[in-house]
Protein backbone atom coordinates (compact mmCIF):
# COMPACT_ATOMS: atom_id res chain seq x y z
CA MET A 1 159.74 5.71 -47.59
CA GLN A 2 157.64 4.52 -50.04
CA LYS A 3 154.18 2.56 -48.88
CA ARG A 4 153.72 -0.84 -49.46
CA GLU A 5 150.67 -1.97 -51.04
CA PRO A 6 149.32 -5.05 -49.66
CA SER A 7 148.62 -8.32 -51.57
CA SER A 8 145.52 -8.65 -53.19
CA GLU A 9 145.80 -12.43 -53.28
CA SER A 10 147.27 -13.01 -49.25
CA ARG A 11 143.68 -11.05 -48.12
CA ALA A 12 140.57 -9.23 -49.07
CA VAL A 13 141.74 -5.98 -49.96
CA LYS A 14 139.82 -3.33 -47.01
CA LEU A 15 138.80 0.23 -47.54
CA ARG A 16 141.88 1.21 -44.90
CA ASP A 17 144.38 -0.49 -47.55
CA ILE A 18 143.08 1.54 -50.28
CA ALA A 19 143.41 4.93 -48.09
CA GLU A 20 146.80 4.21 -47.30
CA ALA A 21 148.04 2.92 -50.48
CA ALA A 22 146.73 6.51 -51.65
CA GLY A 23 148.10 8.57 -49.18
CA VAL A 24 144.31 9.83 -48.11
CA THR A 25 142.13 9.09 -45.22
CA ILE A 26 139.54 6.42 -44.86
CA ALA A 27 136.60 9.12 -45.12
CA THR A 28 138.34 10.46 -48.42
CA ALA A 29 138.99 7.08 -49.94
CA SER A 30 135.44 6.07 -49.30
CA ARG A 31 133.89 9.69 -50.94
CA SER A 32 136.18 8.71 -53.72
CA LEU A 33 134.93 5.25 -54.32
CA ASN A 34 131.46 6.63 -54.18
CA ASP A 35 132.07 9.58 -56.11
CA SER A 36 130.69 12.12 -53.56
CA TYR A 37 130.85 15.40 -53.28
CA GLY A 38 134.37 17.43 -51.89
CA VAL A 39 137.07 15.61 -53.33
CA ASN A 40 139.54 16.89 -55.61
CA PRO A 41 139.18 15.05 -59.14
CA SER A 42 143.05 14.47 -58.84
CA THR A 43 142.55 12.55 -55.53
CA ARG A 44 139.64 11.16 -56.87
CA GLU A 45 141.45 9.38 -59.61
CA ARG A 46 144.39 8.34 -57.50
CA VAL A 47 142.08 6.54 -55.07
CA LEU A 48 140.34 4.85 -58.40
CA GLY A 49 143.27 3.86 -59.89
CA VAL A 50 145.15 2.42 -55.98
CA ALA A 51 141.33 0.47 -55.51
CA ALA A 52 141.84 -1.07 -59.36
CA ARG A 53 145.44 -1.73 -59.23
CA LEU A 54 144.88 -3.80 -55.56
CA GLY A 55 141.23 -5.46 -56.97
CA TYR A 56 139.34 -3.84 -54.41
CA ARG A 57 135.83 -4.75 -54.56
CA PRO A 58 133.55 -2.82 -51.69
CA ASN A 59 131.46 -5.16 -49.07
CA ARG A 60 128.32 -4.56 -49.84
CA LEU A 61 126.72 -6.31 -46.92
CA ALA A 62 128.88 -4.22 -44.76
CA GLN A 63 128.00 -0.90 -46.34
CA GLY A 64 124.42 -1.94 -45.93
CA LEU A 65 124.66 -2.20 -42.36
CA VAL A 66 125.91 1.50 -42.21
CA THR A 67 123.43 2.68 -44.53
CA GLY A 68 120.68 0.53 -43.69
CA ARG A 69 120.41 -0.01 -47.52
CA SER A 70 121.17 -3.50 -49.30
CA GLN A 71 121.29 -1.64 -52.93
CA THR A 72 118.93 -4.66 -53.58
CA LEU A 73 115.51 -4.43 -55.25
CA GLY A 74 113.00 -7.73 -55.29
CA LEU A 75 110.80 -8.33 -58.46
CA ILE A 76 108.22 -11.20 -58.39
CA ILE A 77 106.43 -11.70 -61.69
CA SER A 78 103.81 -14.19 -62.24
CA ASP A 79 104.36 -16.22 -65.16
CA ILE A 80 107.90 -16.21 -66.36
CA ARG A 81 107.15 -17.67 -69.60
CA ASN A 82 104.70 -14.46 -70.57
CA PRO A 83 106.83 -12.26 -72.73
CA PHE A 84 104.87 -9.00 -71.22
CA PHE A 85 107.10 -9.98 -68.58
CA ALA A 86 110.32 -10.22 -69.92
CA GLU A 87 109.96 -6.51 -71.28
CA VAL A 88 108.93 -5.70 -67.68
CA ALA A 89 111.94 -7.33 -66.55
CA ARG A 90 114.16 -5.24 -68.82
CA GLY A 91 112.74 -2.32 -67.50
CA VAL A 92 112.97 -3.01 -64.06
CA GLU A 93 116.69 -3.80 -64.61
CA ASP A 94 117.99 -1.29 -66.80
CA ALA A 95 116.20 1.76 -64.16
CA ALA A 96 117.89 -0.61 -61.27
CA TYR A 97 121.28 -0.85 -63.13
CA ALA A 98 121.31 3.23 -63.91
CA ALA A 99 120.78 3.61 -59.80
CA ALA A 100 123.15 1.19 -58.94
CA CYS A 101 120.77 -1.92 -57.54
CA ASP A 102 120.86 -5.29 -58.21
CA VAL A 103 117.74 -7.01 -58.76
CA VAL A 104 116.44 -10.54 -57.25
CA LEU A 105 113.80 -11.83 -59.68
CA CYS A 106 111.84 -14.58 -58.31
CA ASN A 107 108.84 -16.66 -60.41
CA SER A 108 105.53 -17.28 -58.10
CA ASP A 109 104.26 -19.49 -61.30
CA LEU A 110 100.67 -18.07 -60.81
CA ASN A 111 100.43 -19.85 -57.20
CA PRO A 112 99.86 -17.80 -54.26
CA GLN A 113 101.86 -19.74 -51.44
CA LYS A 114 105.09 -19.64 -53.80
CA GLN A 115 104.32 -15.77 -53.95
CA ASN A 116 103.98 -15.24 -50.12
CA HIS A 117 107.38 -17.33 -49.81
CA TYR A 118 109.35 -15.02 -51.56
CA ILE A 119 107.81 -12.16 -50.09
CA ARG A 120 109.37 -13.43 -46.91
CA SER A 121 112.56 -14.65 -48.36
CA LEU A 122 113.03 -10.98 -50.02
CA LEU A 123 112.58 -9.71 -46.62
CA GLY A 124 114.75 -12.15 -44.99
CA LYS A 125 117.45 -10.40 -47.42
CA ARG A 126 116.74 -6.88 -46.52
CA VAL A 127 115.69 -5.73 -49.95
CA ASP A 128 115.90 -2.06 -50.25
CA GLY A 129 111.93 -2.43 -52.01
CA ILE A 130 109.82 -4.99 -53.58
CA ILE A 131 107.82 -5.07 -57.11
CA MET A 132 105.56 -7.57 -57.36
CA ASN A 133 102.50 -8.69 -60.15
CA SER A 134 100.35 -10.45 -57.46
CA VAL A 135 98.67 -13.53 -58.76
CA ALA A 136 95.65 -12.77 -55.69
CA THR A 137 94.22 -10.02 -53.99
CA LEU A 138 96.76 -9.56 -51.02
CA GLY A 139 94.27 -9.78 -47.97
CA ASP A 140 94.57 -7.29 -44.67
CA ALA A 141 96.86 -9.60 -43.03
CA GLU A 142 99.46 -9.99 -45.40
CA GLN A 143 99.11 -6.54 -46.54
CA GLU A 144 99.84 -4.88 -42.53
CA TYR A 145 102.86 -7.56 -42.87
CA LEU A 146 104.26 -6.18 -45.73
CA VAL A 147 103.43 -2.43 -44.30
CA GLN A 148 104.90 -3.40 -40.44
CA SER A 149 107.91 -4.47 -42.65
CA GLY A 150 108.89 -1.49 -43.78
CA VAL A 151 109.96 -2.44 -46.83
CA PRO A 152 107.87 -0.41 -49.75
CA VAL A 153 106.15 -2.14 -52.14
CA VAL A 154 105.06 -1.63 -55.70
CA LEU A 155 102.11 -3.39 -57.43
CA LEU A 156 102.06 -3.92 -61.02
CA ASN A 157 98.22 -5.04 -61.02
CA ARG A 158 95.49 -2.74 -59.38
CA GLY A 159 92.97 -4.84 -57.15
CA SER A 160 89.07 -3.59 -57.19
CA GLY A 161 89.61 -3.16 -53.17
CA ARG A 162 91.71 -0.39 -51.10
CA SER A 163 95.28 -1.23 -51.26
CA ARG A 164 98.13 0.51 -48.99
CA PHE A 165 100.61 0.22 -51.65
CA SER A 166 101.80 1.92 -54.69
CA THR A 167 100.80 0.47 -58.03
CA VAL A 168 101.88 1.01 -61.82
CA SER A 169 99.48 0.04 -64.40
CA ALA A 170 98.30 0.49 -67.66
CA GLU A 171 95.07 2.23 -68.61
CA ASN A 172 93.37 -1.16 -68.68
CA GLU A 173 89.49 -0.40 -68.85
CA ARG A 174 90.28 2.16 -71.52
CA GLY A 175 92.22 -0.66 -73.63
CA GLY A 176 89.09 -2.65 -73.39
CA ALA A 177 87.03 0.24 -74.59
CA LEU A 178 89.35 0.55 -77.67
CA ALA A 179 88.97 -3.52 -78.41
CA ALA A 180 85.12 -3.03 -78.28
CA GLU A 181 85.35 0.17 -80.35
CA HIS A 182 87.56 -1.53 -83.15
CA PHE A 183 85.39 -4.46 -83.59
CA LEU A 184 82.06 -2.25 -83.56
CA LYS A 185 83.35 -0.04 -86.16
CA LYS A 186 84.31 -3.09 -88.42
CA GLY A 187 80.73 -4.12 -88.44
CA HIS A 188 81.16 -6.91 -85.48
CA ARG A 189 77.63 -7.49 -83.38
CA ARG A 190 78.35 -11.33 -81.75
CA PHE A 191 81.25 -11.27 -79.29
CA ALA A 192 83.06 -13.09 -76.86
CA HIS A 193 85.75 -12.28 -74.58
CA PHE A 194 88.46 -14.67 -73.27
CA SER A 195 89.26 -12.85 -69.32
CA GLY A 196 91.47 -14.78 -66.98
CA PRO A 197 90.67 -15.88 -63.27
CA ARG A 198 87.50 -13.79 -61.96
CA HIS A 199 88.64 -10.69 -59.47
CA HIS A 200 91.83 -10.44 -61.34
CA GLY A 201 92.67 -6.29 -61.13
CA ASN A 202 93.97 -5.73 -64.44
CA LEU A 203 92.13 -8.08 -66.41
CA GLY A 204 88.97 -7.24 -64.96
CA LEU A 205 89.52 -3.63 -65.42
CA ARG A 206 90.16 -4.88 -69.32
CA ALA A 207 86.64 -6.65 -69.30
CA LYS A 208 84.70 -4.12 -67.77
CA GLY A 209 86.05 -1.64 -70.52
CA PHE A 210 84.70 -3.96 -73.36
CA LEU A 211 81.74 -5.07 -71.78
CA GLN A 212 80.66 -1.31 -71.19
CA THR A 213 81.64 -0.13 -74.54
CA VAL A 214 79.63 -2.88 -76.29
CA ARG A 215 76.23 -2.30 -74.06
CA GLU A 216 76.49 1.49 -74.34
CA HIS A 217 76.48 0.84 -78.39
CA ASP A 218 73.58 -1.74 -77.78
CA PRO A 219 72.53 -3.09 -74.13
CA ALA A 220 71.32 -6.14 -76.61
CA THR A 221 74.63 -6.99 -78.13
CA PRO A 222 75.18 -10.57 -76.82
CA VAL A 223 78.71 -11.10 -75.27
CA THR A 224 80.06 -14.35 -74.19
CA VAL A 225 82.44 -14.12 -71.24
CA LEU A 226 84.53 -17.50 -70.70
CA HIS A 227 87.28 -17.27 -67.47
CA GLY A 228 90.06 -19.29 -67.54
CA GLY A 229 93.54 -19.13 -66.72
CA HIS A 230 95.43 -16.11 -68.66
CA THR A 231 97.98 -18.21 -69.90
CA LEU A 232 98.56 -19.80 -73.62
CA ALA A 233 97.34 -22.74 -72.02
CA GLY A 234 94.53 -20.82 -70.82
CA GLY A 235 93.19 -18.95 -74.06
CA TYR A 236 93.60 -22.85 -75.87
CA ALA A 237 91.47 -24.08 -73.31
CA MET A 238 88.61 -21.57 -73.66
CA ALA A 239 88.73 -21.50 -77.57
CA LEU A 240 88.22 -25.44 -77.65
CA LYS A 241 85.33 -24.97 -75.23
CA LEU A 242 83.78 -22.17 -77.54
CA PHE A 243 84.59 -23.79 -80.86
CA ARG A 244 83.26 -27.44 -79.92
CA ASP A 245 79.72 -25.79 -78.44
CA LYS A 246 79.53 -24.77 -82.16
CA GLN A 247 79.05 -21.06 -81.06
CA HIS A 248 79.89 -20.21 -84.74
CA ALA A 249 77.97 -17.04 -84.84
CA ILE A 250 80.61 -15.22 -82.40
CA THR A 251 82.81 -12.90 -85.20
CA ALA A 252 84.84 -11.84 -82.52
CA ILE A 253 87.18 -12.51 -79.88
CA PHE A 254 88.40 -10.14 -77.20
CA ALA A 255 91.36 -12.16 -75.69
CA ALA A 256 92.42 -10.85 -71.94
CA ASN A 257 96.12 -10.64 -73.16
CA ASP A 258 98.33 -11.89 -76.34
CA ALA A 259 99.46 -14.92 -73.88
CA VAL A 260 95.40 -15.63 -74.35
CA ALA A 261 94.92 -14.96 -78.02
CA PHE A 262 98.12 -16.94 -79.24
CA GLY A 263 96.18 -19.91 -77.20
CA MET A 264 93.50 -18.69 -79.17
CA MET A 265 95.16 -19.03 -82.69
CA LYS A 266 96.42 -22.71 -81.49
CA ALA A 267 92.92 -23.77 -81.29
CA ALA A 268 91.85 -22.44 -84.14
CA ILE A 269 94.26 -24.20 -86.06
CA GLU A 270 93.43 -27.64 -84.89
CA CYS A 271 89.55 -26.79 -85.05
CA GLY A 272 89.73 -25.74 -88.95
CA VAL A 273 88.57 -21.79 -87.82
CA ARG A 274 90.36 -19.35 -89.79
CA ILE A 275 91.31 -16.01 -88.32
CA PRO A 276 89.81 -13.28 -89.74
CA LYS A 277 87.88 -14.83 -92.20
CA ASP A 278 85.88 -17.01 -89.60
CA VAL A 279 86.19 -15.05 -86.74
CA SER A 280 88.68 -11.77 -85.62
CA LEU A 281 90.61 -11.51 -82.79
CA ILE A 282 92.34 -8.70 -80.56
CA GLY A 283 94.72 -9.10 -77.97
CA PHE A 284 96.33 -7.16 -75.14
CA ASP A 285 99.94 -6.25 -74.84
CA ASP A 286 101.60 -5.99 -77.96
CA VAL A 287 104.56 -8.24 -77.58
CA GLU A 288 106.84 -8.91 -80.37
CA PHE A 289 105.55 -12.17 -81.13
CA ALA A 290 102.12 -10.61 -81.97
CA ALA A 291 103.44 -8.83 -85.21
CA ILE A 292 104.92 -12.23 -86.33
CA ALA A 293 101.79 -14.49 -85.38
CA HIS A 294 99.80 -15.54 -88.68
CA PRO A 295 97.95 -13.69 -89.13
CA PRO A 296 99.49 -10.64 -87.19
CA LEU A 297 97.79 -9.86 -84.02
CA THR A 298 95.88 -6.70 -83.94
CA THR A 299 96.20 -5.90 -79.99
CA ILE A 300 96.14 -2.77 -77.28
CA HIS A 301 99.42 -1.92 -76.35
CA GLN A 302 100.87 -1.30 -73.31
CA SER A 303 104.65 0.30 -72.41
CA LYS A 304 105.67 -2.73 -70.72
CA TYR A 305 109.26 -1.31 -70.58
CA GLU A 306 108.39 2.06 -69.25
CA ILE A 307 106.06 -0.12 -66.70
CA GLY A 308 108.89 -1.49 -65.26
CA GLN A 309 111.19 1.63 -64.99
CA ALA A 310 108.20 3.48 -63.30
CA ALA A 311 107.99 0.64 -60.93
CA VAL A 312 111.75 1.20 -60.07
CA ASN A 313 111.17 4.76 -59.64
CA VAL A 314 108.43 4.91 -57.12
CA LEU A 315 110.42 2.72 -55.40
CA LEU A 316 113.55 4.37 -55.00
CA ARG A 317 111.43 7.42 -53.75
CA LEU A 318 109.77 5.50 -51.14
CA ALA A 319 112.79 3.81 -50.08
CA LYS A 320 115.07 7.16 -49.87
CA GLY A 321 112.35 9.85 -49.38
CA GLN A 322 110.19 11.02 -46.06
CA ASP A 323 106.93 10.82 -48.11
CA LYS A 324 106.28 7.33 -47.61
CA SER A 325 102.38 7.92 -49.62
CA PRO A 326 101.36 5.45 -52.12
CA GLU A 327 101.25 6.50 -55.14
CA ASN A 328 99.30 5.08 -58.35
CA ARG A 329 100.97 5.90 -61.73
CA VAL A 330 98.49 4.62 -64.89
CA LEU A 331 100.25 4.44 -68.29
CA GLY A 332 98.36 4.97 -71.55
CA VAL A 333 97.65 2.36 -74.11
CA LYS A 334 96.98 2.16 -77.86
CA LEU A 335 95.21 -0.23 -80.76
CA ILE A 336 97.92 -1.42 -82.98
CA GLU A 337 96.03 -2.61 -86.15
CA ARG A 338 97.30 -5.85 -87.84
CA ASP A 339 95.58 -8.30 -89.73
CA SER A 340 93.56 -10.66 -87.33
CA VAL A 341 90.20 -8.27 -87.30
CA ARG A 342 87.76 -8.90 -90.63
CA ASP A 343 85.91 -6.07 -92.01
CA LEU A 344 82.22 -7.03 -92.08
CA ASN A 345 80.99 -3.56 -93.39
C-alpha cells in the first residue's frame, strides 16, 4: 500500500513525515537533510526530493535545543553610516553564510548604553557568538558578565588594557607610521592629527605610530593633535576649529579614518582651503569613496572584508572547539597613494 504524503497546507511538515514518505528511519532522514556521513547517495537524493515536495522547513529552535547551538551570530557595529563597517559586515555575512549561520546586525550608534542593551538582547536570543566593535573599553564587570555567559566574543578593536576576548584588527600603529613616513618623504614638517575620542584602542594606536615616527625623525617637529568624534561630523568640526584658528602653517593632516578625512574635506571647501595646494591629507581605511573623492584621497588600506571573515572564523573555532583561549589576529596595512598629498621638495 502506497504511503500517503501529509498535506503541507494543513499542518507543518515534520521530520517524521519526511522519513515515512521516503521509507527511511528518522535518523537517516536527519542525516540526509544535514548532509552527514553514512548515507547512501541515492537515499539522500530521495529524502531531499521528498522534503522539497512536501515543503519541509527545519525547526531551527528545536535543532538548537538538541545541539546547544542556534546557528546565529551577533554583529554589533558602532556606526552603520561609516562605509568601513559595510565592508566588514559583508565579510562577516559571507563567512557566516558559508558556515550555515545567520547574522543579527546591531548598530550601537556610538552609544555605550545601546551597546550594552544589544549585548544582553543577543545573549537572550542564545546566539553562538558575538562580534563587536566596542565603543568604549569594556570594564571588569562587563567582561566578567560576558565570560560567565559562556558565549564567545571577538572584538574588532584592541584596547590598551588586558582583554579576556579574542580580537581581529589591522596593524594600526604601523598604519600611522606609514602616513608619517609619506608626509616626511614629501617634505612636510608641520602636522596636525585628527584623532577620535581619547583612549580609543585602534585610533590610539594609529596616533601612536604617527607621532612616534614624526618625533624619531625630528623631536622638535610640531604636531597639533585634535580629539573629536571619529565620524564625518567629527572631522568637519575639528577641521573648522583648525582653519578658524588660522593655523595655516600646518601643511599636512593625518585623519584617524576616512570618515574623518571626508569631514575635513567638507570643511576645507567651506573655508576656501585647497587640498593639496594649501594642506595635504591622508586618511585611514581606504573605503570605496576614497578613490572618487575630490581630490582622490591618499589613505592607509586595511582589509575590511577579510577582517569580517577572520572574526567569524575565530568565533566558530571558539564555539565548536575545546580550546577557548583568546586569539589575536592582526592583518597588514599599506599606503594607497592618490592625489591629496602635495610634494614640497
